[in-house]
Amino acid sequence: MEIIKSLDQLREMIEKPRQFLGITFGLNKEECVVLLRRIHASMPEAIKEAEKLVRESSRIVETATEEAQRTLDRAKGEAQRITDAAQKEAERELQQARLEREKLLEENEIIRAAKIEAERVRSEAEADAARMRRSADDYALDVLTRLEAALGKAMSNVERGKAELQRTKEPAATTRAK
């Protein structure tokens, strides 16, 4: 870049003038004019280069912007696809959880109903067993009472029979003794 080199030389001439024996000399007019002419001559080429660089930069930026937009669109599409899939999976799992909960509630209800029914059957069985024991006890008491009565009659009959035998035996013994 010739123009930049010439501008640097001009700046240096202004900032660091020549010195000789402690005396500072001004700018050399001819050198400045030569540098300015070189700069002027280089300007159209430099401007063309700059314009070319600007166009190339614009093209690169535009291409990069388009590519970035395409990448962004693809990323949005992929994100939407992933989100949709995740939403469907979440809904499926939620439905599965609801079904499991309903099944557990039904099983729990069945178990609760079975426990209630088992308790009812047990209570009825205990009540029936108690009634049967009372009935059996009543029946046994009745049988024993009747047996006692029958045995009492039988004992009476035995006593009477013994007494009768005793009576008949005594006159025969008294007759033999005579």
C-alpha atoms as a PDB file:
ATOM      1  CA  MET A   1       0.000   0.000   0.000  1.00  0.00           C
ATOM      2  CA  GLU A   2       2.016   2.886  -1.379  1.00  0.00           C
ATOM      3  CA  ILE A   3      -0.397   5.535  -0.118  1.00  0.00           C
ATOM      4  CA  ILE A   4      -0.035   4.479   3.526  1.00  0.00           C
ATOM      5  CA  LYS A   5       3.765   4.442   3.252  1.00  0.00           C
ATOM      6  CA  SER A   6       3.747   7.982   1.774  1.00  0.00           C
ATOM      7  CA  LEU A   7       1.362   9.255   4.472  1.00  0.00           C
ATOM      8  CA  ASP A   8       3.600   7.775   7.176  1.00  0.00           C
ATOM      9  CA  GLN A   9       6.650   9.567   5.694  1.00  0.00           C
ATOM     10  CA  LEU A  10       4.752  12.891   5.571  1.00  0.00           C
ATOM     11  CA  ARG A  11       3.618  12.511   9.167  1.00  0.00           C
ATOM     12  CA  GLU A  12       7.176  11.744  10.263  1.00  0.00           C
ATOM     13  CA  MET A  13       8.495  14.853   8.474  1.00  0.00           C
ATOM     14  CA  ILE A  14       5.979  16.998  10.337  1.00  0.00           C
ATOM     15  CA  GLU A  15       6.398  15.360  13.752  1.00  0.00           C
ATOM     16  CA  LYS A  16      10.189  14.968  13.630  1.00  0.00           C
ATOM     17  CA  PRO A  17      11.725  17.866  11.702  1.00  0.00           C
ATOM     18  CA  ARG A  18      15.465  17.793  10.894  1.00  0.00           C
ATOM     19  CA  GLN A  19      17.863  19.211  13.401  1.00  0.00           C
ATOM     20  CA  PHE A  20      21.384  20.383  12.912  1.00  0.00           C
ATOM     21  CA  LEU A  21      23.565  21.621  15.756  1.00  0.00           C
ATOM     22  CA  GLY A  22      20.531  22.075  17.978  1.00  0.00           C
ATOM     23  CA  ILE A  23      18.720  24.110  15.347  1.00  0.00           C
ATOM     24  CA  THR A  24      15.416  22.755  14.037  1.00  0.00           C
ATOM     25  CA  PHE A  25      14.732  23.246  10.379  1.00  0.00           C
ATOM     26  CA  GLY A  26      11.225  23.496   8.938  1.00  0.00           C
ATOM     27  CA  LEU A  27       9.650  21.260   6.435  1.00  0.00           C
ATOM     28  CA  ASN A  28      11.263  20.718   3.106  1.00  0.00           C
ATOM     29  CA  LYS A  29       8.638  22.029   0.726  1.00  0.00           C
ATOM     30  CA  GLU A  30       9.863  20.030  -2.241  1.00  0.00           C
ATOM     31  CA  GLU A  31       9.881  16.766  -0.304  1.00  0.00           C
ATOM     32  CA  CYS A  32       6.342  17.461   0.947  1.00  0.00           C
ATOM     33  CA  VAL A  33       5.127  18.244  -2.576  1.00  0.00           C
ATOM     34  CA  VAL A  34       6.716  15.038  -3.910  1.00  0.00           C
ATOM     35  CA  LEU A  35       5.042  12.991  -1.188  1.00  0.00           C
ATOM     36  CA  LEU A  36       1.685  14.675  -1.768  1.00  0.00           C
ATOM     37  CA  ARG A  37       1.939  13.969  -5.525  1.00  0.00           C
ATOM     38  CA  ARG A  38       2.734  10.331  -4.819  1.00  0.00           C
ATOM     39  CA  ILE A  39      -0.273  10.163  -2.495  1.00  0.00           C
ATOM     40  CA  HIS A  40      -2.486  11.828  -5.093  1.00  0.00           C
ATOM     41  CA  ALA A  41      -1.294   9.454  -7.811  1.00  0.00           C
ATOM     42  CA  SER A  42      -1.860   6.436  -5.569  1.00  0.00           C
ATOM     43  CA  MET A  43      -5.330   7.578  -4.532  1.00  0.00           C
ATOM     44  CA  PRO A  44      -7.341   6.248  -7.483  1.00  0.00           C
ATOM     45  CA  GLU A  45      -5.671   2.826  -7.160  1.00  0.00           C
ATOM     46  CA  ALA A  46      -6.140   2.845  -3.393  1.00  0.00           C
ATOM     47  CA  ILE A  47      -9.772   3.873  -3.766  1.00  0.00           C
ATOM     48  CA  LYS A  48     -10.322   1.086  -6.288  1.00  0.00           C
ATOM     49  CA  GLU A  49      -8.697  -1.379  -3.877  1.00  0.00           C
ATOM     50  CA  ALA A  50     -10.799  -0.058  -1.008  1.00  0.00           C
ATOM     51  CA  GLU A  51     -13.975  -0.287  -3.085  1.00  0.00           C
ATOM     52  CA  LYS A  52     -13.017  -3.822  -4.081  1.00  0.00           C
ATOM     53  CA  LEU A  53     -12.413  -4.683  -0.412  1.00  0.00           C
ATOM     54  CA  VAL A  54     -15.740  -3.108   0.582  1.00  0.00           C
ATOM     55  CA  ARG A  55     -17.576  -5.086  -2.124  1.00  0.00           C
ATOM     56  CA  GLU A  56     -15.801  -8.291  -1.111  1.00  0.00           C
ATOM     57  CA  SER A  57     -16.546  -7.586   2.551  1.00  0.00           C
ATOM     58  CA  SER A  58     -20.205  -6.901   1.726  1.00  0.00           C
ATOM     59  CA  ARG A  59     -20.405 -10.131  -0.272  1.00  0.00           C
ATOM     60  CA  ILE A  60     -18.791 -12.086   2.590  1.00  0.00           C
ATOM     61  CA  VAL A  61     -21.129 -10.479   5.131  1.00  0.00           C
ATOM     62  CA  GLU A  62     -24.158 -11.199   2.925  1.00  0.00           C
ATOM     63  CA  THR A  63     -23.063 -14.811   2.384  1.00  0.00           C
ATOM     64  CA  ALA A  64     -22.372 -15.240   6.079  1.00  0.00           C
ATOM     65  CA  THR A  65     -25.739 -13.663   6.937  1.00  0.00           C
ATOM     66  CA  GLU A  66     -27.553 -15.996   4.542  1.00  0.00           C
ATOM     67  CA  GLU A  67     -25.678 -19.016   5.891  1.00  0.00           C
ATOM     68  CA  ALA A  68     -26.375 -17.884   9.449  1.00  0.00           C
ATOM     69  CA  GLN A  69     -30.079 -17.513   8.600  1.00  0.00           C
ATOM     70  CA  ARG A  70     -30.153 -20.985   7.029  1.00  0.00           C
ATOM     71  CA  THR A  71     -28.370 -22.420  10.063  1.00  0.00           C
ATOM     72  CA  LEU A  72     -30.765 -20.591  12.368  1.00  0.00           C
ATOM     73  CA  ASP A  73     -33.767 -21.867  10.388  1.00  0.00           C
ATOM     74  CA  ARG A  74     -32.414 -25.430  10.527  1.00  0.00           C
ATOM     75  CA  ALA A  75     -31.752 -25.070  14.258  1.00  0.00           C
ATOM     76  CA  LYS A  76     -35.270 -23.710  14.835  1.00  0.00           C
ATOM     77  CA  GLY A  77     -36.727 -26.583  12.816  1.00  0.00           C
ATOM     78  CA  GLU A  78     -34.678 -29.147  14.721  1.00  0.00           C
ATOM     79  CA  ALA A  79     -35.564 -27.492  18.035  1.00  0.00           C
ATOM     80  CA  GLN A  80     -39.253 -27.580  17.082  1.00  0.00           C
ATOM     81  CA  ARG A  81     -38.975 -31.239  16.061  1.00  0.00           C
ATOM     82  CA  ILE A  82     -37.245 -32.108  19.344  1.00  0.00           C
ATOM     83  CA  THR A  83     -39.790 -30.068  21.316  1.00  0.00           C
ATOM     84  CA  ASP A  84     -42.696 -31.764  19.528  1.00  0.00           C
ATOM     85  CA  ALA A  85     -41.189 -35.203  20.124  1.00  0.00           C
ATOM     86  CA  ALA A  86     -40.566 -34.380  23.782  1.00  0.00           C
ATOM     87  CA  GLN A  87     -44.123 -33.067  24.129  1.00  0.00           C
ATOM     88  CA  LYS A  88     -45.536 -36.259  22.586  1.00  0.00           C
ATOM     89  CA  GLU A  89     -43.354 -38.400  24.846  1.00  0.00           C
ATOM     90  CA  ALA A  90     -44.399 -36.371  27.897  1.00  0.00           C
ATOM     91  CA  GLU A  91     -48.071 -36.743  26.950  1.00  0.00           C
ATOM     92  CA  ARG A  92     -47.597 -40.486  26.414  1.00  0.00           C
ATOM     93  CA  GLU A  93     -45.875 -40.864  29.790  1.00  0.00           C
ATOM     94  CA  LEU A  94     -48.537 -38.737  31.474  1.00  0.00           C
ATOM     95  CA  GLN A  95     -51.286 -40.898  29.961  1.00  0.00           C
ATOM     96  CA  GLN A  96     -49.417 -44.025  31.077  1.00  0.00           C
ATOM     97  CA  ALA A  97     -49.120 -42.585  34.599  1.00  0.00           C
ATOM     98  CA  ARG A  98     -52.846 -41.799  34.635  1.00  0.00           C
ATOM     99  CA  LEU A  99     -53.667 -45.347  33.555  1.00  0.00           C
ATOM    100  CA  GLU A 100     -51.348 -46.759  36.218  1.00  0.00           C
ATOM    101  CA  ARG A 101     -52.921 -44.500  38.847  1.00  0.00           C
ATOM    102  CA  GLU A 102     -56.430 -45.566  37.815  1.00  0.00           C
ATOM    103  CA  LYS A 103     -55.366 -49.211  37.879  1.00  0.00           C
ATOM    104  CA  LEU A 104     -53.858 -48.771  41.347  1.00  0.00           C
ATOM    105  CA  LEU A 105     -56.976 -46.952  42.534  1.00  0.00           C
ATOM    106  CA  GLU A 106     -59.158 -49.755  41.149  1.00  0.00           C
ATOM    107  CA  GLU A 107     -56.927 -52.370  42.765  1.00  0.00           C
ATOM    108  CA  ASN A 108     -56.970 -50.390  45.997  1.00  0.00           C
ATOM    109  CA  GLU A 109     -60.763 -50.116  45.787  1.00  0.00           C
ATOM    110  CA  ILE A 110     -61.007 -53.853  45.100  1.00  0.00           C
ATOM    111  CA  ILE A 111     -58.708 -54.579  48.036  1.00  0.00           C
ATOM    112  CA  ARG A 112     -60.694 -52.232  50.280  1.00  0.00           C
ATOM    113  CA  ALA A 113     -63.978 -53.815  49.179  1.00  0.00           C
ATOM    114  CA  ALA A 114     -62.489 -57.290  49.683  1.00  0.00           C
ATOM    115  CA  LYS A 115     -61.348 -56.333  53.192  1.00  0.00           C
ATOM    116  CA  ILE A 116     -64.807 -54.981  54.018  1.00  0.00           C
ATOM    117  CA  GLU A 117     -66.425 -58.145  52.632  1.00  0.00           C
ATOM    118  CA  ALA A 118     -63.937 -60.352  54.495  1.00  0.00           C
ATOM    119  CA  GLU A 119     -64.688 -58.489  57.738  1.00  0.00           C
ATOM    120  CA  ARG A 120     -68.437 -58.863  57.131  1.00  0.00           C
ATOM    121  CA  VAL A 121     -68.076 -62.602  56.427  1.00  0.00           C
ATOM    122  CA  ARG A 122     -65.850 -63.039  59.506  1.00  0.00           C
ATOM    123  CA  SER A 123     -68.346 -61.172  61.704  1.00  0.00           C
ATOM    124  CA  GLU A 124     -71.223 -63.252  60.344  1.00  0.00           C
ATOM    125  CA  ALA A 125     -69.198 -66.442  60.827  1.00  0.00           C
ATOM    126  CA  GLU A 126     -68.394 -65.485  64.424  1.00  0.00           C
ATOM    127  CA  ALA A 127     -72.051 -64.640  65.069  1.00  0.00           C
ATOM    128  CA  ASP A 128     -73.164 -67.919  63.427  1.00  0.00           C
ATOM    129  CA  ALA A 129     -70.565 -69.848  65.445  1.00  0.00           C
ATOM    130  CA  ALA A 130     -71.753 -68.184  68.668  1.00  0.00           C
ATOM    131  CA  ARG A 131     -75.402 -69.011  67.804  1.00  0.00           C
ATOM    132  CA  MET A 132     -74.417 -72.576  66.970  1.00  0.00           C
ATOM    133  CA  ARG A 133     -72.516 -72.914  70.267  1.00  0.00           C
ATOM    134  CA  ARG A 134     -75.533 -71.567  72.169  1.00  0.00           C
ATOM    135  CA  SER A 135     -77.832 -73.882  70.221  1.00  0.00           C
ATOM    136  CA  ALA A 136     -75.494 -76.820  70.802  1.00  0.00           C
ATOM    137  CA  ASP A 137     -75.235 -75.944  74.484  1.00  0.00           C
ATOM    138  CA  ASP A 138     -79.029 -75.591  74.722  1.00  0.00           C
ATOM    139  CA  TYR A 139     -79.500 -78.895  72.885  1.00  0.00           C
ATOM    140  CA  ALA A 140     -76.925 -80.649  75.076  1.00  0.00           C
ATOM    141  CA  LEU A 141     -78.588 -79.235  78.202  1.00  0.00           C
ATOM    142  CA  ASP A 142     -81.978 -80.365  76.935  1.00  0.00           C
ATOM    143  CA  VAL A 143     -80.634 -83.845  76.129  1.00  0.00           C
ATOM    144  CA  LEU A 144     -78.920 -84.081  79.496  1.00  0.00           C
ATOM    145  CA  THR A 145     -82.067 -82.860  81.254  1.00  0.00           C
ATOM    146  CA  ARG A 146     -84.170 -85.458  79.435  1.00  0.00           C
ATOM    147  CA  LEU A 147     -81.495 -88.085  80.104  1.00  0.00           C
ATOM    148  CA  GLU A 148     -81.494 -87.089  83.749  1.00  0.00           C
ATOM    149  CA  ALA A 149     -85.262 -87.394  83.829  1.00  0.00           C
ATOM    150  CA  ALA A 150     -85.100 -90.720  82.016  1.00  0.00           C
ATOM    151  CA  LEU A 151     -82.332 -91.906  84.283  1.00  0.00           C
ATOM    152  CA  GLY A 152     -84.305 -90.625  87.246  1.00  0.00           C
ATOM    153  CA  LYS A 153     -87.307 -92.721  86.124  1.00  0.00           C
ATOM    154  CA  ALA A 154     -85.009 -95.637  85.430  1.00  0.00           C
ATOM    155  CA  MET A 155     -83.459 -95.253  88.863  1.00  0.00           C
ATOM    156  CA  SER A 156     -86.920 -95.085  90.363  1.00  0.00           C
ATOM    157  CA  ASN A 157     -87.826 -98.234  88.512  1.00  0.00           C
ATOM    158  CA  VAL A 158     -84.570 -99.864  89.632  1.00  0.00           C
ATOM    159  CA  GLU A 159     -85.248 -98.814  93.228  1.00  0.00           C
ATOM    160  CA  ARG A 160     -88.782-100.086  93.022  1.00  0.00           C
ATOM    161  CA  GLY A 161     -87.563-103.320  91.460  1.00  0.00           C
ATOM    162  CA  LYS A 162     -84.966-103.736  94.159  1.00  0.00           C
ATOM    163  CA  ALA A 163     -87.464-102.933  96.851  1.00  0.00           C
ATOM    164  CA  GLU A 164     -89.921-105.399  95.353  1.00  0.00           C
ATOM    165  CA  LEU A 165     -87.215-108.023  95.238  1.00  0.00           C
ATOM    166  CA  GLN A 166     -86.317-107.249  98.805  1.00  0.00           C
ATOM    167  CA  ARG A 167     -89.872-107.619  99.885  1.00  0.00           C
ATOM    168  CA  THR A 168     -90.378-110.878  98.131  1.00  0.00           C
ATOM    169  CA  LYS A 169     -87.141-112.182  99.477  1.00  0.00           C
ATOM    170  CA  GLU A 170     -87.912-111.392 103.098  1.00  0.00           C
ATOM    171  CA  PRO A 171     -91.112-113.433 103.336  1.00  0.00           C
ATOM    172  CA  ALA A 172     -89.345-116.348 101.714  1.00  0.00           C
ATOM    173  CA  ALA A 173     -86.480-116.055 104.163  1.00  0.00           C
ATOM    174  CA  THR A 174     -88.860-115.824 107.063  1.00  0.00           C
ATOM    175  CA  THR A 175     -90.748-118.861 105.773  1.00  0.00           C
ATOM    176  CA  ARG A 176     -87.595-120.887 105.475  1.00  0.00           C
ATOM    177  CA  ALA A 177     -86.526-119.909 108.845  1.00  0.00           C
ATOM    178  CA  LYS A 178     -89.680-121.254 110.277  1.00  0.00           C
END
